[in-house]
């Protein structure tokens, strides 16, 4: 099996993908040394403790990369749901912008761009909910 975001996207929910991503990222010790030569014999019980560092194998490393992309995509897709819910609840574009860490104009642009992927009826309702683009 080739490890790609598309292959993992259907297999993992956002929660499961984030949990697995967190698990894999914590397992890697971050060591950048390749082909380390050790001066002592690793064929003894104490070597297990000395070599307690953890490294991801290639398969796990590729899974970590692909899961990062899956989480980013799924989180990105949830923005439309979150913005619509906030607007329906009475949030202003200033409120939404604050939650996204952008300006109100950028928040509105992000929302209307996401709405363009909806069917015509849903898009019309979503655009009506958005109102006019906030001024500067």
Protein backbone atom coordinates (compact mmCIF):
# COMPACT_ATOMS: atom_id res chain seq x y z
CA UNK A 1 0.00 0.00 0.00
CA UNK A 2 1.27 3.42 -0.90
CA UNK A 3 0.95 5.92 1.93
CA UNK A 4 -0.88 9.03 0.73
CA UNK A 5 -3.30 11.46 2.35
CA UNK A 6 -5.98 10.22 -0.02
CA UNK A 7 -5.45 6.61 1.12
CA UNK A 8 -5.64 7.57 4.80
CA UNK A 9 -8.38 10.21 4.55
CA UNK A 10 -11.21 7.69 4.27
CA UNK A 11 -9.65 5.39 6.86
CA UNK A 12 -9.29 7.93 9.68
CA UNK A 13 -11.74 10.37 11.23
CA UNK A 14 -10.25 13.73 12.23
CA UNK A 15 -10.02 12.61 15.86
CA UNK A 16 -8.36 9.30 15.03
CA UNK A 17 -5.95 10.89 12.56
CA UNK A 18 -4.95 13.55 15.08
CA UNK A 19 -4.45 10.95 17.81
CA UNK A 20 -2.28 8.75 15.56
CA UNK A 21 -0.35 11.81 14.36
CA UNK A 22 0.32 12.80 17.96
CA UNK A 23 1.39 9.25 18.87
CA UNK A 24 3.84 8.99 15.98
CA UNK A 25 5.28 12.46 16.49
CA UNK A 26 5.94 11.71 20.18
CA UNK A 27 7.63 8.41 19.35
CA UNK A 28 10.34 9.97 17.26
CA UNK A 29 13.30 11.20 19.28
CA UNK A 30 14.21 13.78 16.64
CA UNK A 31 17.77 12.47 16.29
CA UNK A 32 19.29 13.56 13.01
CA UNK A 33 22.42 11.42 13.21
CA UNK A 34 22.65 8.84 10.46
CA UNK A 35 24.63 5.61 10.65
CA UNK A 36 25.94 6.22 14.15
CA UNK A 37 28.94 4.06 15.08
CA UNK A 38 29.02 2.91 18.70
CA UNK A 39 32.24 2.02 20.49
CA UNK A 40 30.67 -0.59 22.76
CA UNK A 41 29.07 -3.96 22.33
CA UNK A 42 25.28 -3.73 21.95
CA UNK A 43 24.88 -7.44 22.65
CA UNK A 44 24.13 -7.12 26.36
CA UNK A 45 21.16 -6.31 28.59
CA UNK A 46 22.35 -2.77 29.42
CA UNK A 47 22.33 -1.83 25.75
CA UNK A 48 18.52 -1.83 25.84
CA UNK A 49 18.59 1.05 28.30
CA UNK A 50 21.39 2.90 26.52
CA UNK A 51 19.53 2.69 23.22
CA UNK A 52 16.12 3.66 24.59
CA UNK A 53 15.75 6.39 21.97
CA UNK A 54 12.94 5.84 19.55
CA UNK A 55 13.05 6.39 15.83
CA UNK A 56 10.27 6.00 13.36
CA UNK A 57 10.85 3.60 10.52
CA UNK A 58 10.28 4.72 6.94
CA UNK A 59 6.68 3.45 6.86
CA UNK A 60 5.82 5.28 10.09
CA UNK A 61 7.60 8.44 8.91
CA UNK A 62 5.58 8.50 5.70
CA UNK A 63 2.41 7.80 7.68
CA UNK A 64 3.26 10.75 9.97
CA UNK A 65 3.63 13.04 6.94
CA UNK A 66 0.42 11.82 5.30
CA UNK A 67 -1.55 12.05 8.55
CA UNK A 68 -0.40 15.65 9.00
CA UNK A 69 -1.89 16.44 5.62
CA UNK A 70 -5.10 14.53 6.44
CA UNK A 71 -5.54 16.46 9.69
CA UNK A 72 -4.85 19.77 7.94
CA UNK A 73 -7.38 19.00 5.19
CA UNK A 74 -10.09 17.82 7.57
CA UNK A 75 -9.55 20.80 9.88
CA UNK A 76 -9.65 23.14 6.87
CA UNK A 77 -12.95 21.60 5.75
CA UNK A 78 -14.48 22.20 9.18
CA UNK A 79 -14.08 25.98 8.84
CA UNK A 80 -17.22 26.33 6.73
CA UNK A 81 -19.25 24.42 9.32
CA UNK A 82 -17.82 26.50 12.15
CA UNK A 83 -18.35 29.84 10.45
CA UNK A 84 -21.94 29.00 9.48
CA UNK A 85 -22.72 27.87 13.02
CA UNK A 86 -21.17 31.03 14.48
CA UNK A 87 -23.11 33.29 12.11
CA UNK A 88 -26.38 31.46 12.80
CA UNK A 89 -25.71 31.94 16.51
CA UNK A 90 -25.31 35.69 16.07
CA UNK A 91 -21.54 36.08 15.85
CA UNK A 92 -20.24 39.10 13.98
CA UNK A 93 -17.54 39.01 11.33
CA UNK A 94 -15.22 40.56 13.93
CA UNK A 95 -15.94 37.56 16.18
CA UNK A 96 -15.36 35.07 13.37
CA UNK A 97 -12.19 36.86 12.28
CA UNK A 98 -10.86 36.73 15.83
CA UNK A 99 -11.47 32.99 16.02
CA UNK A 100 -9.63 32.49 12.70
CA UNK A 101 -6.84 34.94 13.49
CA UNK A 102 -7.47 37.03 10.38
CA UNK A 103 -9.18 40.29 9.45
CA UNK A 104 -12.98 40.38 9.07
CA UNK A 105 -12.54 40.85 5.32
CA UNK A 106 -10.30 37.77 5.08
CA UNK A 107 -12.78 35.76 7.16
CA UNK A 108 -15.62 36.75 4.84
CA UNK A 109 -13.50 35.92 1.76
CA UNK A 110 -12.60 32.51 3.23
CA UNK A 111 -16.26 31.79 3.91
CA UNK A 112 -17.53 32.85 0.48
CA UNK A 113 -14.77 30.84 -1.21
CA UNK A 114 -15.80 27.73 0.74
CA UNK A 115 -19.48 28.40 -0.05
CA UNK A 116 -18.72 28.29 -3.78
CA UNK A 117 -18.25 24.51 -3.48
CA UNK A 118 -21.84 24.03 -2.24
CA UNK A 119 -24.85 23.31 -4.42
CA UNK A 120 -26.83 26.34 -5.58
CA UNK A 121 -29.53 26.28 -2.87
CA UNK A 122 -27.08 25.76 0.00
CA UNK A 123 -24.76 28.41 -1.42
CA UNK A 124 -27.60 30.94 -1.69
CA UNK A 125 -28.60 30.34 1.94
CA UNK A 126 -24.97 30.53 3.09
CA UNK A 127 -24.34 33.78 1.20
CA UNK A 128 -27.53 35.29 2.63
CA UNK A 129 -26.29 34.33 6.08
CA UNK A 130 -22.93 36.00 5.38
CA UNK A 131 -24.39 39.36 4.49
CA UNK A 132 -22.28 42.07 2.94
CA UNK A 133 -18.50 41.95 3.02
CA UNK A 134 -17.27 43.82 6.10
CA UNK A 135 -15.66 47.18 5.43
CA UNK A 136 -12.19 48.15 6.50
